[in-house]
Structure formats: structure tokens, C-alpha cells
Amino acid sequence: MFVTQCADGLVFDDFEDFQRVRAVDEQLSPNFAGNSLWHSLACVGRPTPVRNPPAPLPDRLPPMLGAGTWIEHESTANVVLAVPGSATVRYNGFGHGLYLTGNACTIAHANRYLAFLRLPPPGTACEPPSAD
């Protein structure tokens, strides 16, 4: 959390600031309010300087490849597809850290991108191993 939240400036000023944001969260999503707010709460009172503040993406980035499980794919696509020419792979199963999961399909797409800068076509998906 300290690396991905505090140093990026994704922090609350104090507990009251957290409560204000949580109240808005409860209006938008009463069943899941505060689900991801706790990450930034760990930064309250921590004197970590902001080293990587949020900013617009630079112009002319190379196309990127993103991969996400059925539960993470949409948020991955929101970031990756902001860069023209980029692509994603949806893994239709559970998991995290897809390159290390052992799924041959997701690893093959990543390897083709890393070695040859070849991206998969839109709508590419990988399936989890069958339970047979």
C-alpha cells in the first residue's frame, strides 16, 4: 500500500476526509462501500513524499498488452485501451498475476508481446483448464 497508494498521492488528509469519501461511496454502492478505501487509509499521517502523482498519459506511448481475470478485466481494459493500438486478454477464471499462474494461453500472449510486440486481436480470451 505504501508504494502503490502513498507515494502516488492517493491519500486522505485525515480520518474525517476518509469518512466524507466513504459517505459518498455508501450512496453510490451501499453494499460495497469502502471496499477499496482502506488502501489509502494506511497512508494517513505517514510523511511519505508524493513521488508519482496522477497525471495524463504522455503522448505517443507504444501499444500495451493488458490481461485480467473475469473480475479484473474491465478495469485493466480501461487503462490499457486508453493507449491507441493496445489490446487485452480476458482470462475467464479466477486468479491474479496471470503470467505466473501456469495458464499456457495467457503466457503465450504475453510472450508474443514481450518478444515480438505482437498483440492479440480484440476480444481475445483464455479459458481456465477443464476440470476433467
N, C-alpha and C. Protein backbone atom coordinates (compact mmCIF):
# COMPACT_ATOMS: atom_id res chain seq x y z
N MET A 1 0.81 -1.20 0.00
CA MET A 1 0.00 0.00 0.00
C MET A 1 0.86 1.26 0.00
N PHE A 2 1.96 1.22 0.71
CA PHE A 2 2.77 2.42 0.80
C PHE A 2 3.35 2.79 -0.56
N VAL A 3 3.66 1.80 -1.37
CA VAL A 3 4.24 2.06 -2.68
C VAL A 3 3.16 2.46 -3.67
N THR A 4 2.03 1.74 -3.68
CA THR A 4 1.02 1.98 -4.71
C THR A 4 0.01 3.06 -4.34
N GLN A 5 -0.05 3.47 -3.13
CA GLN A 5 -1.03 4.48 -2.73
C GLN A 5 -0.34 5.75 -2.22
N CYS A 6 0.44 5.61 -1.16
CA CYS A 6 1.03 6.79 -0.50
C CYS A 6 1.97 7.55 -1.44
N ALA A 7 2.89 6.86 -2.08
CA ALA A 7 3.86 7.54 -2.94
C ALA A 7 3.23 8.09 -4.22
N ASP A 8 2.03 7.57 -4.58
CA ASP A 8 1.32 8.08 -5.75
C ASP A 8 0.39 9.23 -5.39
N GLY A 9 0.30 9.58 -4.12
CA GLY A 9 -0.54 10.69 -3.70
C GLY A 9 -2.00 10.33 -3.56
N LEU A 10 -2.31 9.04 -3.50
CA LEU A 10 -3.70 8.59 -3.35
C LEU A 10 -3.99 8.43 -1.87
N VAL A 11 -4.10 9.55 -1.19
CA VAL A 11 -4.18 9.53 0.27
C VAL A 11 -5.35 10.38 0.76
N PHE A 12 -5.71 10.15 2.01
CA PHE A 12 -6.68 11.00 2.70
C PHE A 12 -5.91 11.97 3.57
N ASP A 13 -6.45 13.17 3.74
CA ASP A 13 -5.80 14.15 4.61
C ASP A 13 -5.86 13.72 6.06
N ASP A 14 -7.00 13.12 6.44
CA ASP A 14 -7.20 12.68 7.81
C ASP A 14 -8.41 11.73 7.84
N PHE A 15 -8.79 11.28 9.01
CA PHE A 15 -9.90 10.34 9.13
C PHE A 15 -11.22 10.96 8.70
N GLU A 16 -11.38 12.24 8.95
CA GLU A 16 -12.61 12.91 8.53
C GLU A 16 -12.73 12.93 7.00
N ASP A 17 -11.62 13.11 6.31
CA ASP A 17 -11.61 13.05 4.86
C ASP A 17 -12.04 11.66 4.38
N PHE A 18 -11.53 10.62 5.05
CA PHE A 18 -11.93 9.25 4.76
C PHE A 18 -13.43 9.07 4.95
N GLN A 19 -13.96 9.55 6.06
CA GLN A 19 -15.38 9.41 6.34
C GLN A 19 -16.23 10.12 5.29
N ARG A 20 -15.79 11.28 4.81
CA ARG A 20 -16.52 12.02 3.78
C ARG A 20 -16.59 11.21 2.49
N VAL A 21 -15.47 10.64 2.09
CA VAL A 21 -15.43 9.84 0.87
C VAL A 21 -16.26 8.57 1.04
N ARG A 22 -16.19 7.96 2.21
CA ARG A 22 -16.98 6.74 2.47
C ARG A 22 -18.47 7.05 2.41
N ALA A 23 -18.90 8.21 2.89
CA ALA A 23 -20.32 8.57 2.83
C ALA A 23 -20.80 8.65 1.37
N VAL A 24 -19.97 9.22 0.51
CA VAL A 24 -20.31 9.26 -0.92
C VAL A 24 -20.34 7.85 -1.48
N ASP A 25 -19.38 7.04 -1.09
CA ASP A 25 -19.30 5.64 -1.50
C ASP A 25 -20.57 4.88 -1.10
N GLU A 26 -21.07 5.12 0.10
CA GLU A 26 -22.28 4.44 0.58
C GLU A 26 -23.50 4.83 -0.25
N GLN A 27 -23.55 6.08 -0.72
CA GLN A 27 -24.66 6.50 -1.58
C GLN A 27 -24.59 5.80 -2.94
N LEU A 28 -23.37 5.66 -3.47
CA LEU A 28 -23.20 5.06 -4.79
C LEU A 28 -23.33 3.55 -4.76
N SER A 29 -22.85 2.91 -3.70
CA SER A 29 -22.82 1.46 -3.63
C SER A 29 -22.96 1.01 -2.18
N PRO A 30 -24.19 0.99 -1.67
CA PRO A 30 -24.38 0.69 -0.25
C PRO A 30 -23.83 -0.67 0.20
N ASN A 31 -23.81 -1.65 -0.67
CA ASN A 31 -23.36 -2.98 -0.27
C ASN A 31 -21.85 -3.15 -0.28
N PHE A 32 -21.15 -2.28 -1.00
CA PHE A 32 -19.70 -2.42 -1.11
C PHE A 32 -18.95 -1.16 -0.71
N ALA A 33 -19.58 -0.28 0.01
CA ALA A 33 -18.95 0.98 0.40
C ALA A 33 -17.66 0.74 1.17
N GLY A 34 -16.64 1.48 0.79
CA GLY A 34 -15.37 1.40 1.49
C GLY A 34 -14.52 0.19 1.13
N ASN A 35 -14.97 -0.60 0.17
CA ASN A 35 -14.27 -1.84 -0.17
C ASN A 35 -12.81 -1.62 -0.54
N SER A 36 -12.52 -0.55 -1.27
CA SER A 36 -11.12 -0.32 -1.65
C SER A 36 -10.53 0.93 -1.00
N LEU A 37 -11.28 1.57 -0.13
CA LEU A 37 -10.78 2.80 0.51
C LEU A 37 -9.71 2.54 1.56
N TRP A 38 -9.67 1.34 2.09
CA TRP A 38 -8.73 1.06 3.18
C TRP A 38 -7.29 1.17 2.73
N HIS A 39 -7.01 0.96 1.44
CA HIS A 39 -5.63 1.09 0.96
C HIS A 39 -5.08 2.48 1.28
N SER A 40 -5.83 3.50 0.92
CA SER A 40 -5.38 4.87 1.17
C SER A 40 -5.42 5.24 2.64
N LEU A 41 -6.28 4.60 3.40
CA LEU A 41 -6.36 4.89 4.82
C LEU A 41 -5.03 4.57 5.52
N ALA A 42 -4.29 3.61 5.02
CA ALA A 42 -2.99 3.26 5.60
C ALA A 42 -1.98 4.39 5.48
N CYS A 43 -2.25 5.35 4.60
CA CYS A 43 -1.30 6.46 4.37
C CYS A 43 -1.54 7.64 5.31
N VAL A 44 -2.66 7.67 6.03
CA VAL A 44 -2.97 8.82 6.89
C VAL A 44 -1.87 9.01 7.92
N GLY A 45 -1.34 10.20 7.98
CA GLY A 45 -0.30 10.54 8.94
C GLY A 45 1.09 10.07 8.56
N ARG A 46 1.22 9.39 7.47
CA ARG A 46 2.54 8.90 7.05
C ARG A 46 3.22 10.00 6.25
N PRO A 47 4.41 10.39 6.64
CA PRO A 47 5.09 11.50 5.96
C PRO A 47 5.82 11.08 4.67
N THR A 48 5.11 10.32 3.84
CA THR A 48 5.72 9.86 2.59
C THR A 48 5.56 10.94 1.52
N PRO A 49 6.65 11.38 0.92
CA PRO A 49 6.50 12.38 -0.15
C PRO A 49 5.87 11.74 -1.39
N VAL A 50 5.04 12.52 -2.07
CA VAL A 50 4.42 12.06 -3.29
C VAL A 50 5.46 12.11 -4.40
N ARG A 51 5.79 10.96 -4.96
CA ARG A 51 6.83 10.87 -5.98
C ARG A 51 6.27 10.61 -7.37
N ASN A 52 5.03 10.14 -7.45
CA ASN A 52 4.46 9.77 -8.73
C ASN A 52 2.98 10.18 -8.77
N PRO A 53 2.70 11.49 -8.78
CA PRO A 53 1.30 11.93 -8.73
C PRO A 53 0.56 11.55 -10.01
N PRO A 54 -0.75 11.30 -9.91
CA PRO A 54 -1.54 11.00 -11.11
C PRO A 54 -1.41 12.14 -12.12
N ALA A 55 -1.31 11.77 -13.39
CA ALA A 55 -1.18 12.75 -14.46
C ALA A 55 -1.68 12.12 -15.75
N PRO A 56 -1.99 12.92 -16.75
CA PRO A 56 -2.38 12.34 -18.04
C PRO A 56 -1.25 11.50 -18.62
N LEU A 57 -1.63 10.51 -19.40
CA LEU A 57 -0.62 9.69 -20.06
C LEU A 57 0.16 10.53 -21.06
N PRO A 58 1.44 10.27 -21.22
CA PRO A 58 2.21 11.01 -22.22
C PRO A 58 1.75 10.65 -23.63
N ASP A 59 2.00 11.53 -24.57
CA ASP A 59 1.68 11.26 -25.97
C ASP A 59 2.60 10.20 -26.52
N ARG A 60 2.14 9.52 -27.53
CA ARG A 60 2.92 8.56 -28.31
C ARG A 60 3.51 7.41 -27.49
N LEU A 61 2.71 6.82 -26.64
CA LEU A 61 3.14 5.61 -25.95
C LEU A 61 3.03 4.43 -26.92
N PRO A 62 3.89 3.43 -26.78
CA PRO A 62 3.73 2.24 -27.61
C PRO A 62 2.48 1.48 -27.18
N PRO A 63 1.88 0.71 -28.08
CA PRO A 63 0.72 -0.10 -27.69
C PRO A 63 1.08 -1.02 -26.52
N MET A 64 0.12 -1.22 -25.65
CA MET A 64 0.34 -2.04 -24.46
C MET A 64 -0.53 -3.29 -24.51
N LEU A 65 -0.13 -4.31 -23.77
CA LEU A 65 -0.93 -5.50 -23.59
C LEU A 65 -1.33 -5.60 -22.13
N GLY A 66 -2.61 -5.79 -21.89
CA GLY A 66 -3.11 -6.00 -20.54
C GLY A 66 -3.83 -7.33 -20.46
N ALA A 67 -3.86 -7.92 -19.29
CA ALA A 67 -4.59 -9.17 -19.08
C ALA A 67 -5.27 -9.10 -17.73
N GLY A 68 -6.47 -9.63 -17.68
CA GLY A 68 -7.20 -9.64 -16.42
C GLY A 68 -8.19 -10.78 -16.35
N THR A 69 -8.45 -11.22 -15.14
CA THR A 69 -9.45 -12.26 -14.92
C THR A 69 -10.83 -11.71 -15.19
N TRP A 70 -11.81 -12.56 -15.12
CA TRP A 70 -13.18 -12.13 -15.40
C TRP A 70 -13.60 -11.00 -14.46
N ILE A 71 -13.01 -10.93 -13.29
CA ILE A 71 -13.38 -9.89 -12.34
C ILE A 71 -12.52 -8.62 -12.48
N GLU A 72 -11.32 -8.73 -13.07
CA GLU A 72 -10.41 -7.60 -13.20
C GLU A 72 -10.29 -7.05 -14.62
N HIS A 73 -10.81 -7.77 -15.59
CA HIS A 73 -10.55 -7.41 -16.98
C HIS A 73 -11.05 -6.01 -17.33
N GLU A 74 -12.21 -5.64 -16.87
CA GLU A 74 -12.76 -4.33 -17.23
C GLU A 74 -11.88 -3.19 -16.74
N SER A 75 -11.40 -3.25 -15.51
CA SER A 75 -10.54 -2.17 -15.02
C SER A 75 -9.19 -2.18 -15.74
N THR A 76 -8.69 -3.36 -16.08
CA THR A 76 -7.45 -3.44 -16.86
C THR A 76 -7.66 -2.80 -18.23
N ALA A 77 -8.76 -3.14 -18.89
CA ALA A 77 -9.05 -2.60 -20.22
C ALA A 77 -9.21 -1.08 -20.18
N ASN A 78 -9.80 -0.55 -19.13
CA ASN A 78 -9.97 0.91 -19.02
C ASN A 78 -8.64 1.64 -19.07
N VAL A 79 -7.62 1.06 -18.50
CA VAL A 79 -6.30 1.69 -18.51
C VAL A 79 -5.58 1.42 -19.83
N VAL A 80 -5.48 0.17 -20.21
CA VAL A 80 -4.70 -0.23 -21.38
C VAL A 80 -5.26 0.36 -22.67
N LEU A 81 -6.57 0.32 -22.83
CA LEU A 81 -7.15 0.76 -24.09
C LEU A 81 -7.18 2.28 -24.24
N ALA A 82 -6.72 2.99 -23.22
CA ALA A 82 -6.54 4.44 -23.35
C ALA A 82 -5.34 4.76 -24.24
N VAL A 83 -4.51 3.76 -24.49
CA VAL A 83 -3.35 3.93 -25.36
C VAL A 83 -3.70 3.33 -26.73
N PRO A 84 -3.72 4.14 -27.78
CA PRO A 84 -4.11 3.64 -29.10
C PRO A 84 -3.29 2.43 -29.53
N GLY A 85 -3.99 1.48 -30.15
CA GLY A 85 -3.34 0.28 -30.67
C GLY A 85 -3.15 -0.82 -29.66
N SER A 86 -3.55 -0.60 -28.41
CA SER A 86 -3.34 -1.58 -27.35
C SER A 86 -4.39 -2.69 -27.40
N ALA A 87 -4.16 -3.74 -26.64
CA ALA A 87 -5.08 -4.88 -26.61
C ALA A 87 -5.09 -5.51 -25.22
N THR A 88 -6.12 -6.31 -24.99
CA THR A 88 -6.22 -7.03 -23.73
C THR A 88 -6.53 -8.50 -23.98
N VAL A 89 -6.24 -9.29 -22.96
CA VAL A 89 -6.62 -10.70 -22.93
C VAL A 89 -7.47 -10.88 -21.69
N ARG A 90 -8.64 -11.44 -21.88
CA ARG A 90 -9.53 -11.73 -20.74
C ARG A 90 -9.34 -13.20 -20.37
N TYR A 91 -9.03 -13.45 -19.10
CA TYR A 91 -8.94 -14.82 -18.60
C TYR A 91 -10.27 -15.13 -17.92
N ASN A 92 -11.01 -16.08 -18.45
CA ASN A 92 -12.34 -16.40 -17.95
C ASN A 92 -12.30 -17.33 -16.74
N GLY A 93 -11.59 -16.89 -15.74
CA GLY A 93 -11.48 -17.65 -14.50
C GLY A 93 -10.95 -16.76 -13.39
N PHE A 94 -10.68 -17.35 -12.25
CA PHE A 94 -10.15 -16.64 -11.10
C PHE A 94 -8.64 -16.55 -11.18
N GLY A 95 -8.06 -15.65 -10.42
CA GLY A 95 -6.62 -15.59 -10.32
C GLY A 95 -6.12 -14.17 -10.25
N HIS A 96 -4.82 -14.06 -10.16
CA HIS A 96 -4.16 -12.77 -10.09
C HIS A 96 -2.71 -13.03 -10.46
N GLY A 97 -2.07 -12.10 -11.13
CA GLY A 97 -0.71 -12.36 -11.57
C GLY A 97 -0.70 -13.42 -12.65
N LEU A 98 -1.45 -13.20 -13.71
CA LEU A 98 -1.71 -14.24 -14.71
C LEU A 98 -0.47 -14.80 -15.38
N TYR A 99 0.60 -14.05 -15.47
CA TYR A 99 1.80 -14.57 -16.13
C TYR A 99 2.42 -15.71 -15.34
N LEU A 100 2.20 -15.71 -14.04
CA LEU A 100 2.81 -16.74 -13.19
C LEU A 100 1.86 -17.87 -12.83
N THR A 101 0.65 -17.87 -13.39
CA THR A 101 -0.34 -18.88 -12.99
C THR A 101 -0.14 -20.22 -13.65
N GLY A 102 0.61 -20.26 -14.73
CA GLY A 102 0.79 -21.51 -15.45
C GLY A 102 -0.20 -21.72 -16.57
N ASN A 103 -1.11 -20.75 -16.82
CA ASN A 103 -2.07 -20.88 -17.91
C ASN A 103 -1.34 -20.62 -19.23
N ALA A 104 -1.22 -21.66 -20.05
CA ALA A 104 -0.44 -21.58 -21.29
C ALA A 104 -0.96 -20.51 -22.23
N CYS A 105 -2.25 -20.30 -22.27
CA CYS A 105 -2.83 -19.31 -23.19
C CYS A 105 -2.40 -17.89 -22.83
N THR A 106 -2.57 -17.49 -21.58
CA THR A 106 -2.20 -16.12 -21.19
C THR A 106 -0.69 -15.93 -21.29
N ILE A 107 0.09 -16.94 -20.93
CA ILE A 107 1.54 -16.83 -21.02
C ILE A 107 1.99 -16.69 -22.47
N ALA A 108 1.37 -17.43 -23.38
CA ALA A 108 1.73 -17.35 -24.80
C ALA A 108 1.46 -15.95 -25.36
N HIS A 109 0.33 -15.36 -25.00
CA HIS A 109 0.03 -14.00 -25.48
C HIS A 109 1.04 -13.00 -24.92
N ALA A 110 1.39 -13.14 -23.65
CA ALA A 110 2.38 -12.24 -23.05
C ALA A 110 3.75 -12.43 -23.70
N ASN A 111 4.15 -13.66 -23.92
CA ASN A 111 5.45 -13.91 -24.54
C ASN A 111 5.53 -13.35 -25.96
N ARG A 112 4.45 -13.50 -26.75
CA ARG A 112 4.45 -12.94 -28.11
C ARG A 112 4.59 -11.42 -28.07
N TYR A 113 3.95 -10.80 -27.10
CA TYR A 113 4.07 -9.34 -26.98
C TYR A 113 5.48 -8.95 -26.53
N LEU A 114 5.99 -9.62 -25.51
CA LEU A 114 7.31 -9.26 -24.98
C LEU A 114 8.44 -9.52 -25.97
N ALA A 115 8.33 -10.60 -26.73
CA ALA A 115 9.41 -10.96 -27.65
C ALA A 115 9.28 -10.32 -29.03
N PHE A 116 8.03 -10.17 -29.51
CA PHE A 116 7.83 -9.73 -30.89
C PHE A 116 6.92 -8.51 -31.03
N LEU A 117 6.42 -7.97 -29.91
CA LEU A 117 5.49 -6.85 -29.89
C LEU A 117 4.22 -7.14 -30.68
N ARG A 118 3.81 -8.41 -30.73
CA ARG A 118 2.57 -8.80 -31.41
C ARG A 118 1.44 -8.86 -30.40
N LEU A 119 0.37 -8.14 -30.73
CA LEU A 119 -0.79 -8.09 -29.84
C LEU A 119 -1.89 -9.01 -30.36
N PRO A 120 -2.69 -9.56 -29.46
CA PRO A 120 -3.80 -10.40 -29.88
C PRO A 120 -4.94 -9.56 -30.47
N PRO A 121 -5.83 -10.17 -31.23
CA PRO A 121 -6.96 -9.43 -31.78
C PRO A 121 -7.95 -9.03 -30.68
N PRO A 122 -8.78 -8.01 -30.94
CA PRO A 122 -9.80 -7.62 -29.96
C PRO A 122 -10.69 -8.81 -29.59
N GLY A 123 -11.07 -8.87 -28.34
CA GLY A 123 -11.95 -9.92 -27.87
C GLY A 123 -11.25 -11.22 -27.50
N THR A 124 -9.92 -11.23 -27.48
CA THR A 124 -9.20 -12.45 -27.14
C THR A 124 -9.48 -12.85 -25.70
N ALA A 125 -9.73 -14.13 -25.52
CA ALA A 125 -9.99 -14.67 -24.18
C ALA A 125 -9.26 -16.00 -24.03
N CYS A 126 -8.89 -16.29 -22.81
CA CYS A 126 -8.27 -17.56 -22.46
C CYS A 126 -9.17 -18.25 -21.44
N GLU A 127 -9.24 -19.55 -21.55
CA GLU A 127 -10.09 -20.34 -20.65
C GLU A 127 -9.24 -21.03 -19.59
N PRO A 128 -9.79 -21.22 -18.39
CA PRO A 128 -9.07 -21.98 -17.38
C PRO A 128 -9.03 -23.45 -17.78
N PRO A 129 -8.13 -24.22 -17.19
CA PRO A 129 -8.08 -25.64 -17.51
C PRO A 129 -9.41 -26.32 -17.17
N SER A 130 -9.79 -27.31 -17.94
CA SER A 130 -11.03 -28.02 -17.66
C SER A 130 -10.84 -28.89 -16.43
N ALA A 131 -11.92 -29.17 -15.77
CA ALA A 131 -11.89 -29.97 -14.53
C ALA A 131 -11.92 -31.46 -14.83
N ASP A 132 -11.81 -31.82 -16.10
CA ASP A 132 -11.85 -33.25 -16.47
C ASP A 132 -10.68 -34.00 -15.95
